N, C-alpha and C. Protein backbone atom coordinates (compact mmCIF):
# COMPACT_ATOMS: atom_id res chain seq x y z
N UNK A 1 -61.69 9.21 18.81
CA UNK A 1 -60.38 9.62 19.40
C UNK A 1 -60.40 9.07 20.78
N UNK A 2 -59.20 8.51 21.27
CA UNK A 2 -58.96 7.90 22.55
C UNK A 2 -59.14 9.01 23.66
N UNK A 3 -59.71 8.74 24.79
CA UNK A 3 -59.53 9.64 25.90
C UNK A 3 -58.08 9.64 26.38
N UNK A 4 -57.64 10.75 27.01
CA UNK A 4 -56.40 11.03 27.36
C UNK A 4 -55.79 10.06 28.20
N UNK A 5 -56.50 9.46 29.19
CA UNK A 5 -56.01 8.49 30.20
C UNK A 5 -55.62 7.05 29.29
N UNK A 6 -56.57 6.90 28.48
CA UNK A 6 -56.34 5.56 27.71
C UNK A 6 -55.04 5.73 26.88
N UNK A 7 -54.90 6.97 26.22
CA UNK A 7 -53.67 7.11 25.43
C UNK A 7 -52.38 7.03 26.34
N UNK A 8 -52.51 7.66 27.55
CA UNK A 8 -51.27 7.54 28.37
C UNK A 8 -50.97 6.10 28.82
N UNK A 9 -51.91 5.33 29.01
CA UNK A 9 -51.84 3.81 29.48
C UNK A 9 -51.20 3.08 28.16
N UNK A 10 -51.74 3.36 26.99
CA UNK A 10 -51.09 2.86 25.77
C UNK A 10 -49.61 3.22 25.71
N UNK A 11 -49.32 4.44 25.81
CA UNK A 11 -47.80 4.73 25.59
C UNK A 11 -47.05 4.16 26.71
N UNK A 12 -47.50 3.96 27.91
CA UNK A 12 -46.72 3.38 28.90
C UNK A 12 -46.48 1.89 28.63
N UNK A 13 -47.48 1.22 27.99
CA UNK A 13 -47.31 -0.26 27.74
C UNK A 13 -46.37 -0.36 26.47
N UNK A 14 -46.32 0.42 25.65
CA UNK A 14 -45.42 0.51 24.46
C UNK A 14 -44.04 0.61 24.89
N UNK A 15 -43.82 1.56 25.96
CA UNK A 15 -42.36 1.77 26.36
C UNK A 15 -41.85 0.65 26.95
N UNK A 16 -42.52 -0.33 27.65
CA UNK A 16 -42.17 -1.45 28.25
C UNK A 16 -41.88 -2.51 27.34
N UNK A 17 -42.49 -2.52 26.01
CA UNK A 17 -42.38 -3.41 25.10
C UNK A 17 -41.03 -3.31 24.36
N UNK A 18 -40.30 -2.09 24.35
CA UNK A 18 -39.18 -1.98 23.70
C UNK A 18 -37.84 -2.16 24.34
N UNK A 19 -38.01 -2.78 25.57
CA UNK A 19 -36.80 -3.19 26.44
C UNK A 19 -36.10 -4.22 25.70
N UNK A 20 -34.63 -3.94 25.94
CA UNK A 20 -33.77 -4.94 25.25
C UNK A 20 -33.50 -6.08 26.38
N UNK A 21 -33.26 -7.32 25.88
CA UNK A 21 -32.80 -8.31 26.64
C UNK A 21 -31.46 -8.86 26.15
N UNK A 22 -30.46 -8.87 26.91
CA UNK A 22 -29.15 -9.32 26.41
C UNK A 22 -28.88 -10.69 26.84
N UNK A 23 -28.17 -11.57 26.13
CA UNK A 23 -27.80 -12.85 26.72
C UNK A 23 -26.36 -12.49 27.34
N UNK A 24 -25.96 -13.52 28.23
CA UNK A 24 -24.70 -13.36 28.97
C UNK A 24 -23.59 -13.24 28.03
N UNK A 25 -22.67 -12.38 28.13
CA UNK A 25 -21.69 -12.03 27.36
C UNK A 25 -21.74 -10.71 26.60
N UNK A 26 -22.91 -10.31 26.19
CA UNK A 26 -23.11 -9.05 25.58
C UNK A 26 -23.46 -8.10 26.49
N UNK A 27 -23.45 -8.19 27.94
CA UNK A 27 -23.65 -7.33 28.84
C UNK A 27 -22.60 -6.72 29.45
N UNK A 28 -21.32 -7.19 28.77
CA UNK A 28 -20.15 -6.67 29.37
C UNK A 28 -19.61 -7.48 30.42
N UNK A 29 -20.19 -8.59 30.80
CA UNK A 29 -19.66 -9.43 31.96
C UNK A 29 -18.46 -10.32 31.45
N UNK A 30 -17.44 -10.56 32.07
CA UNK A 30 -16.32 -11.30 31.62
C UNK A 30 -16.85 -12.81 31.40
N UNK A 31 -16.32 -13.35 30.34
CA UNK A 31 -16.70 -14.78 30.04
C UNK A 31 -15.40 -15.69 30.19
N UNK A 32 -15.64 -17.03 30.33
CA UNK A 32 -14.63 -17.72 30.43
C UNK A 32 -13.49 -17.80 29.18
N UNK A 33 -12.35 -18.11 29.37
CA UNK A 33 -11.48 -18.16 28.24
C UNK A 33 -11.85 -19.24 27.09
N UNK A 34 -12.67 -20.15 27.61
CA UNK A 34 -13.08 -21.12 26.44
C UNK A 34 -14.13 -20.72 25.63
N UNK A 35 -14.88 -19.52 26.05
CA UNK A 35 -15.96 -19.09 25.21
C UNK A 35 -15.53 -17.89 24.36
N UNK A 36 -14.30 -17.62 24.34
CA UNK A 36 -13.87 -16.43 23.55
C UNK A 36 -13.96 -16.89 22.01
N UNK A 37 -14.56 -15.95 21.22
CA UNK A 37 -14.46 -16.26 19.86
C UNK A 37 -13.60 -15.35 19.14
N UNK A 38 -13.54 -15.49 17.95
CA UNK A 38 -12.47 -14.78 17.17
C UNK A 38 -12.77 -13.19 17.29
N UNK A 39 -14.11 -12.73 17.34
CA UNK A 39 -14.38 -11.26 17.46
C UNK A 39 -13.74 -10.80 18.78
N UNK A 40 -13.79 -11.40 20.07
CA UNK A 40 -13.41 -11.01 21.21
C UNK A 40 -11.97 -10.90 21.20
N UNK A 41 -11.21 -11.86 20.51
CA UNK A 41 -9.70 -11.85 20.43
C UNK A 41 -9.27 -10.75 19.65
N UNK A 42 -10.00 -10.53 18.45
CA UNK A 42 -9.64 -9.41 17.57
C UNK A 42 -9.93 -8.13 18.37
N UNK A 43 -10.99 -7.91 18.97
CA UNK A 43 -11.14 -6.52 19.71
C UNK A 43 -10.13 -6.46 20.83
N UNK A 44 -9.80 -7.61 21.49
CA UNK A 44 -8.67 -7.22 22.54
C UNK A 44 -7.46 -6.99 21.88
N UNK A 45 -7.14 -7.67 20.83
CA UNK A 45 -5.96 -7.29 20.08
C UNK A 45 -5.88 -5.78 19.64
N UNK A 46 -7.05 -5.33 19.09
CA UNK A 46 -7.12 -3.87 18.64
C UNK A 46 -6.99 -2.97 19.78
N UNK A 47 -7.69 -3.35 20.87
CA UNK A 47 -7.47 -2.34 22.11
C UNK A 47 -6.03 -2.48 22.69
N UNK A 48 -5.39 -3.53 22.69
CA UNK A 48 -4.09 -3.60 23.19
C UNK A 48 -3.21 -2.82 22.30
N UNK A 49 -3.34 -2.90 21.04
CA UNK A 49 -2.54 -2.14 19.95
C UNK A 49 -2.67 -0.65 20.31
N UNK A 50 -3.99 -0.23 20.56
CA UNK A 50 -4.19 1.08 20.53
C UNK A 50 -3.51 1.58 21.94
N UNK A 51 -3.65 0.76 23.04
CA UNK A 51 -3.02 1.34 24.15
C UNK A 51 -1.47 1.35 24.06
N UNK A 52 -0.94 0.24 23.31
CA UNK A 52 0.53 0.38 23.12
C UNK A 52 1.08 1.63 22.34
N UNK A 53 0.18 1.97 21.25
CA UNK A 53 0.50 3.08 20.49
C UNK A 53 0.55 4.43 21.40
N UNK A 54 -0.54 4.32 22.23
CA UNK A 54 -0.86 5.67 23.02
C UNK A 54 0.31 5.80 24.05
N UNK A 55 0.81 4.65 24.52
CA UNK A 55 1.99 4.63 25.42
C UNK A 55 3.22 5.10 24.76
N UNK A 56 3.38 4.53 23.58
CA UNK A 56 4.73 4.82 22.76
C UNK A 56 4.66 6.45 22.43
N UNK A 57 3.34 6.97 22.18
CA UNK A 57 3.34 8.26 21.86
C UNK A 57 3.68 9.22 23.08
N UNK A 58 3.09 8.84 24.18
CA UNK A 58 3.39 9.41 25.53
C UNK A 58 4.87 9.42 25.89
N UNK A 59 5.35 8.36 25.69
CA UNK A 59 6.90 8.15 25.92
C UNK A 59 7.72 9.02 25.10
N UNK A 60 7.42 9.06 23.80
CA UNK A 60 8.16 9.96 22.84
C UNK A 60 8.00 11.30 23.30
N UNK A 61 6.82 11.83 23.75
CA UNK A 61 6.63 13.15 24.16
C UNK A 61 7.30 13.54 25.40
N UNK A 62 7.40 12.54 26.37
CA UNK A 62 8.13 12.87 27.59
C UNK A 62 9.68 12.97 27.33
N UNK A 63 10.16 12.06 26.36
CA UNK A 63 11.58 12.09 26.00
C UNK A 63 11.92 13.52 25.41
N UNK A 64 10.96 13.80 24.53
CA UNK A 64 11.30 15.33 24.05
C UNK A 64 11.30 16.29 25.06
N UNK A 65 10.32 16.29 25.99
CA UNK A 65 10.35 17.14 27.15
C UNK A 65 11.64 17.15 27.89
N UNK A 66 12.04 15.88 28.17
CA UNK A 66 13.28 15.71 28.82
C UNK A 66 14.61 16.41 28.28
N UNK A 67 14.53 16.16 26.97
CA UNK A 67 15.65 16.69 26.21
C UNK A 67 15.66 18.17 26.21
N UNK A 68 14.54 18.80 26.03
CA UNK A 68 14.37 20.29 26.05
C UNK A 68 14.87 20.68 27.46
N UNK A 69 14.38 20.03 28.59
CA UNK A 69 14.98 20.54 29.87
C UNK A 69 16.50 20.31 30.07
N UNK A 70 16.94 19.31 29.55
CA UNK A 70 18.56 18.93 29.61
C UNK A 70 19.12 20.21 28.77
N UNK A 71 18.73 20.46 27.72
CA UNK A 71 19.33 21.61 26.99
C UNK A 71 19.15 22.95 27.62
N UNK A 72 18.05 23.11 28.37
CA UNK A 72 17.82 24.36 29.30
C UNK A 72 18.85 24.35 30.43
N UNK A 73 19.05 23.23 31.11
CA UNK A 73 20.02 23.09 32.22
C UNK A 73 21.42 23.25 31.78
N UNK A 74 21.72 22.77 30.68
CA UNK A 74 23.04 22.91 30.13
C UNK A 74 23.30 24.47 29.82
N UNK A 75 22.43 25.05 29.35
CA UNK A 75 22.47 26.46 28.95
C UNK A 75 22.62 27.40 30.18
N UNK A 76 21.97 27.04 31.32
CA UNK A 76 22.07 27.69 32.44
C UNK A 76 23.31 27.39 33.09
N UNK A 77 23.85 26.34 33.19
CA UNK A 77 25.12 25.90 33.68
C UNK A 77 26.10 26.71 33.07
N UNK A 78 26.19 26.71 31.70
CA UNK A 78 27.05 27.57 30.89
C UNK A 78 27.07 29.19 31.35
N UNK A 79 25.83 29.61 31.49
CA UNK A 79 25.79 31.00 31.93
C UNK A 79 26.31 31.12 33.37
N UNK A 80 26.14 30.24 34.17
CA UNK A 80 26.66 30.36 35.54
C UNK A 80 28.25 30.22 35.44
N UNK A 81 28.64 29.34 34.59
CA UNK A 81 30.09 29.22 34.56
C UNK A 81 30.81 30.54 33.96
N UNK A 82 30.09 31.13 33.05
CA UNK A 82 30.70 32.21 32.50
C UNK A 82 30.71 33.34 33.29
N UNK A 83 29.77 33.52 34.28
CA UNK A 83 29.62 34.55 35.12
C UNK A 83 30.64 34.41 36.24
N UNK A 84 30.93 33.13 36.73
CA UNK A 84 31.90 32.90 37.71
C UNK A 84 33.27 33.00 37.42
N UNK A 85 33.67 33.17 36.07
CA UNK A 85 35.15 33.26 35.75
C UNK A 85 35.62 34.68 35.84
């Protein structure tokens, strides 16, 4: 059986061995437009589509809220008008 200190050193060495090394581009750094491949283009298109769909949904929700508020305002104006007659 290994002494405790030797075991600790072995574990420390093994931890350093599992480090990952990335080439440029897979670290998230922006690359030049000439080095874009189909995967990058497809991923950008997917993200853009998701953002557009999210914005479309938010706009629809805001329009619904606006319509509800307009109905509320119309109702209150009708009440005011009926009270002042």
